[in-house]
Amino acid sequence: MPPAQKIYLNGIDATTGQYLVAPMTVNRAVKFAKGENVEPDISQWFSDALRKLSAVHLGIGRGIDEEKLRE
């Protein structure tokens, strides 16, 4: 029997060099997408990611040349 195919989500944890979300089987991804039997580690990661993406960003905005801060 061939090994189960895995889905790899984008993202690397800069502090560890590991995947942000561990590779998962197709069956596990389908269950997650349907909202069935989600493991706490995955749902917590997505909650944290949404919170971070929604937070106020104090860096330079998109399309602004960092050499021309008057923009």
Protein backbone atom coordinates (compact mmCIF):
# COMPACT_ATOMS: atom_id res chain seq x y z
CA MET A 1 0.00 0.00 0.00
CA PRO A 2 1.48 3.43 -0.94
CA PRO A 3 2.08 5.95 1.84
CA ALA A 4 -0.76 8.39 2.52
CA GLN A 5 -0.51 11.60 0.53
CA LYS A 6 0.14 14.64 2.67
CA ILE A 7 -0.90 18.25 2.32
CA TYR A 8 1.71 20.87 3.18
CA LEU A 9 0.43 24.34 4.05
CA ASN A 10 2.56 27.39 3.37
CA GLY A 11 4.48 28.88 6.24
CA ILE A 12 7.62 28.30 8.24
CA ASP A 13 8.08 29.19 11.90
CA ALA A 14 11.03 31.61 11.85
CA THR A 15 12.07 30.67 15.36
CA THR A 16 12.25 26.91 14.79
CA GLY A 17 12.53 26.45 11.03
CA GLN A 18 9.69 23.92 11.19
CA TYR A 19 6.35 24.04 9.38
CA LEU A 20 3.78 26.32 11.01
CA VAL A 21 1.23 23.52 10.59
CA ALA A 22 2.47 19.96 10.46
CA PRO A 23 1.82 18.16 7.16
CA MET A 24 -1.55 16.39 7.27
CA THR A 25 -3.25 13.62 5.37
CA VAL A 26 -5.95 14.42 2.87
CA ASN A 27 -8.56 12.81 5.15
CA ARG A 28 -7.51 14.99 8.06
CA ALA A 29 -7.63 18.12 5.88
CA VAL A 30 -11.14 17.23 4.67
CA LYS A 31 -12.34 16.75 8.26
CA PHE A 32 -10.83 20.11 9.20
CA ALA A 33 -12.47 21.84 6.22
CA LYS A 34 -15.84 20.34 7.17
CA GLY A 35 -15.40 21.38 10.80
CA GLU A 36 -15.40 17.78 11.98
CA ASN A 37 -13.22 16.50 14.79
CA VAL A 38 -10.59 19.23 14.58
CA GLU A 39 -7.54 18.71 16.73
CA PRO A 40 -6.93 21.62 19.11
CA ASP A 41 -3.42 22.34 17.79
CA ILE A 42 -4.65 23.07 14.25
CA SER A 43 -7.64 25.14 15.27
CA GLN A 44 -5.50 27.08 17.75
CA TRP A 45 -2.92 27.82 15.04
CA PHE A 46 -5.59 29.19 12.71
CA SER A 47 -7.10 31.28 15.52
CA ASP A 48 -3.66 32.70 16.35
CA ALA A 49 -2.91 33.41 12.68
CA LEU A 50 -6.22 35.24 12.23
CA ARG A 51 -5.57 37.31 15.35
CA LYS A 52 -2.07 38.25 14.15
CA LEU A 53 -3.27 39.13 10.66
CA SER A 54 -6.04 41.31 12.11
CA ALA A 55 -3.73 43.17 14.49
CA VAL A 56 -2.56 46.74 13.91
CA HIS A 57 0.63 46.81 11.84
CA LEU A 58 3.11 49.57 12.68
CA GLY A 59 5.53 48.92 9.83
CA ILE A 60 5.88 50.59 6.45
CA GLY A 61 2.78 50.21 4.30
CA ARG A 62 2.62 48.27 1.07
CA GLY A 63 3.85 50.17 -1.97
CA ILE A 64 5.80 52.77 0.02
CA ASP A 65 9.49 53.06 -0.77
CA GLU A 66 11.37 52.67 2.50
CA GLU A 67 14.00 55.05 1.19
CA LYS A 68 11.34 57.79 0.84
CA LEU A 69 9.64 57.77 4.22
CA ARG A 70 7.85 61.06 3.47
CA GLU A 71 5.50 58.99 1.32
